[in-house]
Amino acid sequence: MVEYEYRVLSFGRETARGDIRRALTEHAEYGHWELHRTRIYIGGITRTWLRRKIIRVPRAS
């Protein structure tokens, strides 16, 4: 079974769309995160969930 770790990023309503895209791109390129979910709430707050696989290495005996 695949396990994921999650990171939640929140952006205020004053944050430009290009700045949000740039932040998500940096997380994807350098941290190997993938987009899981994005919500835009009343009031303009954007909350984005990123996830990446947890790789477990079996112990050598």
N, C-alpha and C. Protein backbone atom coordinates (compact mmCIF):
# COMPACT_ATOMS: atom_id res chain seq x y z
N MET A 1 0.84 -1.17 0.00
CA MET A 1 0.00 0.00 0.00
C MET A 1 0.89 1.25 0.00
N VAL A 2 0.52 2.23 -0.80
CA VAL A 2 1.31 3.45 -0.93
C VAL A 2 0.94 4.41 0.20
N GLU A 3 1.96 4.97 0.84
CA GLU A 3 1.75 5.96 1.89
C GLU A 3 2.24 7.32 1.39
N TYR A 4 1.52 8.37 1.77
CA TYR A 4 1.87 9.71 1.37
C TYR A 4 2.07 10.60 2.59
N GLU A 5 2.92 11.61 2.43
CA GLU A 5 2.98 12.68 3.41
C GLU A 5 2.39 13.91 2.74
N TYR A 6 1.80 14.78 3.54
CA TYR A 6 1.07 15.92 3.00
C TYR A 6 1.65 17.22 3.54
N ARG A 7 1.53 18.27 2.74
CA ARG A 7 1.90 19.62 3.14
C ARG A 7 0.79 20.55 2.68
N VAL A 8 0.35 21.43 3.56
CA VAL A 8 -0.72 22.36 3.24
C VAL A 8 -0.13 23.76 3.12
N LEU A 9 -0.40 24.40 1.99
CA LEU A 9 0.03 25.78 1.76
C LEU A 9 -1.20 26.67 1.70
N SER A 10 -1.14 27.82 2.37
CA SER A 10 -2.24 28.77 2.36
C SER A 10 -1.76 30.09 1.78
N PHE A 11 -2.59 30.68 0.94
CA PHE A 11 -2.27 31.96 0.31
C PHE A 11 -3.43 32.91 0.55
N GLY A 12 -3.10 34.14 0.90
CA GLY A 12 -4.12 35.15 1.13
C GLY A 12 -4.72 35.66 -0.17
N ARG A 13 -5.77 36.43 -0.04
CA ARG A 13 -6.45 36.93 -1.24
C ARG A 13 -5.61 37.93 -2.01
N GLU A 14 -4.61 38.54 -1.37
CA GLU A 14 -3.77 39.53 -2.04
C GLU A 14 -2.64 38.89 -2.84
N THR A 15 -2.45 37.58 -2.70
CA THR A 15 -1.40 36.87 -3.42
C THR A 15 -1.80 36.70 -4.88
N ALA A 16 -0.91 37.10 -5.77
CA ALA A 16 -1.18 37.00 -7.20
C ALA A 16 -1.15 35.54 -7.65
N ARG A 17 -1.90 35.24 -8.67
CA ARG A 17 -1.97 33.87 -9.19
C ARG A 17 -0.61 33.39 -9.68
N GLY A 18 0.15 34.29 -10.27
CA GLY A 18 1.50 33.93 -10.74
C GLY A 18 2.42 33.56 -9.60
N ASP A 19 2.28 34.25 -8.46
CA ASP A 19 3.10 33.92 -7.29
C ASP A 19 2.73 32.55 -6.72
N ILE A 20 1.44 32.23 -6.72
CA ILE A 20 1.00 30.91 -6.26
C ILE A 20 1.56 29.83 -7.18
N ARG A 21 1.45 30.06 -8.47
CA ARG A 21 1.96 29.08 -9.45
C ARG A 21 3.46 28.89 -9.27
N ARG A 22 4.20 29.96 -9.03
CA ARG A 22 5.65 29.88 -8.85
C ARG A 22 5.99 29.07 -7.60
N ALA A 23 5.27 29.30 -6.52
CA ALA A 23 5.53 28.56 -5.28
C ALA A 23 5.25 27.08 -5.45
N LEU A 24 4.14 26.75 -6.12
CA LEU A 24 3.80 25.34 -6.34
C LEU A 24 4.80 24.66 -7.26
N THR A 25 5.28 25.39 -8.26
CA THR A 25 6.27 24.84 -9.18
C THR A 25 7.58 24.54 -8.46
N GLU A 26 8.01 25.44 -7.57
CA GLU A 26 9.23 25.21 -6.81
C GLU A 26 9.11 23.98 -5.91
N HIS A 27 7.97 23.83 -5.25
CA HIS A 27 7.77 22.65 -4.40
C HIS A 27 7.79 21.37 -5.24
N ALA A 28 7.20 21.42 -6.43
CA ALA A 28 7.15 20.23 -7.28
C ALA A 28 8.54 19.87 -7.80
N GLU A 29 9.30 20.87 -8.24
CA GLU A 29 10.61 20.59 -8.83
C GLU A 29 11.64 20.17 -7.81
N TYR A 30 11.71 20.88 -6.69
CA TYR A 30 12.80 20.65 -5.75
C TYR A 30 12.43 19.73 -4.60
N GLY A 31 11.15 19.63 -4.27
CA GLY A 31 10.75 18.79 -3.16
C GLY A 31 10.01 17.54 -3.57
N HIS A 32 9.80 17.37 -4.89
CA HIS A 32 9.09 16.21 -5.45
C HIS A 32 7.66 16.09 -4.92
N TRP A 33 7.00 17.23 -4.71
CA TRP A 33 5.61 17.25 -4.27
C TRP A 33 4.71 17.24 -5.49
N GLU A 34 3.51 16.67 -5.37
CA GLU A 34 2.52 16.73 -6.43
C GLU A 34 1.24 17.34 -5.87
N LEU A 35 0.48 17.98 -6.75
CA LEU A 35 -0.74 18.65 -6.34
C LEU A 35 -1.81 17.62 -6.02
N HIS A 36 -2.41 17.72 -4.84
CA HIS A 36 -3.45 16.80 -4.43
C HIS A 36 -4.82 17.48 -4.48
N ARG A 37 -4.92 18.68 -3.92
CA ARG A 37 -6.22 19.36 -3.86
C ARG A 37 -6.00 20.86 -3.70
N THR A 38 -6.89 21.65 -4.28
CA THR A 38 -6.89 23.10 -4.11
C THR A 38 -8.30 23.55 -3.80
N ARG A 39 -8.43 24.40 -2.79
CA ARG A 39 -9.72 24.96 -2.42
C ARG A 39 -9.60 26.47 -2.35
N ILE A 40 -10.59 27.17 -2.86
CA ILE A 40 -10.66 28.62 -2.72
C ILE A 40 -11.87 28.90 -1.84
N TYR A 41 -11.62 29.50 -0.68
CA TYR A 41 -12.66 29.73 0.30
C TYR A 41 -13.29 31.11 0.14
N ILE A 42 -14.44 31.28 0.75
CA ILE A 42 -15.09 32.59 0.78
C ILE A 42 -14.13 33.53 1.48
N GLY A 43 -13.93 34.69 0.92
CA GLY A 43 -12.96 35.63 1.45
C GLY A 43 -11.68 35.63 0.64
N GLY A 44 -11.52 34.66 -0.25
CA GLY A 44 -10.39 34.65 -1.18
C GLY A 44 -9.18 33.86 -0.76
N ILE A 45 -9.21 33.19 0.39
CA ILE A 45 -8.06 32.40 0.82
C ILE A 45 -7.97 31.13 -0.03
N THR A 46 -6.79 30.87 -0.55
CA THR A 46 -6.55 29.66 -1.33
C THR A 46 -5.72 28.71 -0.49
N ARG A 47 -6.21 27.50 -0.33
CA ARG A 47 -5.49 26.49 0.44
C ARG A 47 -5.21 25.33 -0.51
N THR A 48 -3.95 24.91 -0.54
CA THR A 48 -3.51 23.86 -1.46
C THR A 48 -2.85 22.74 -0.68
N TRP A 49 -3.24 21.51 -0.97
CA TRP A 49 -2.64 20.32 -0.37
C TRP A 49 -1.70 19.69 -1.38
N LEU A 50 -0.46 19.46 -0.96
CA LEU A 50 0.53 18.77 -1.77
C LEU A 50 0.82 17.43 -1.12
N ARG A 51 1.21 16.45 -1.92
CA ARG A 51 1.56 15.15 -1.35
C ARG A 51 2.75 14.58 -2.09
N ARG A 52 3.46 13.68 -1.41
CA ARG A 52 4.54 12.92 -2.03
C ARG A 52 4.61 11.56 -1.36
N LYS A 53 5.09 10.60 -2.11
CA LYS A 53 5.16 9.23 -1.61
C LYS A 53 6.24 9.10 -0.55
N ILE A 54 5.95 8.29 0.45
CA ILE A 54 6.93 7.92 1.45
C ILE A 54 7.54 6.61 0.99
N ILE A 55 8.82 6.64 0.76
CA ILE A 55 9.52 5.44 0.29
C ILE A 55 10.19 4.77 1.48
N ARG A 56 9.77 3.59 1.76
CA ARG A 56 10.33 2.82 2.87
C ARG A 56 11.32 1.80 2.30
N VAL A 57 12.52 1.82 2.83
CA VAL A 57 13.56 0.90 2.37
C VAL A 57 13.59 -0.28 3.36
N PRO A 58 13.42 -1.48 2.84
CA PRO A 58 13.48 -2.65 3.75
C PRO A 58 14.89 -2.81 4.32
N ARG A 59 14.93 -3.22 5.57
CA ARG A 59 16.20 -3.44 6.23
C ARG A 59 16.89 -4.68 5.68
N ALA A 60 18.19 -4.57 5.52
CA ALA A 60 18.97 -5.74 5.10
C ALA A 60 19.31 -6.58 6.31
N SER A 61 19.16 -7.88 6.19
CA SER A 61 19.43 -8.77 7.33
C SER A 61 20.86 -9.22 7.34
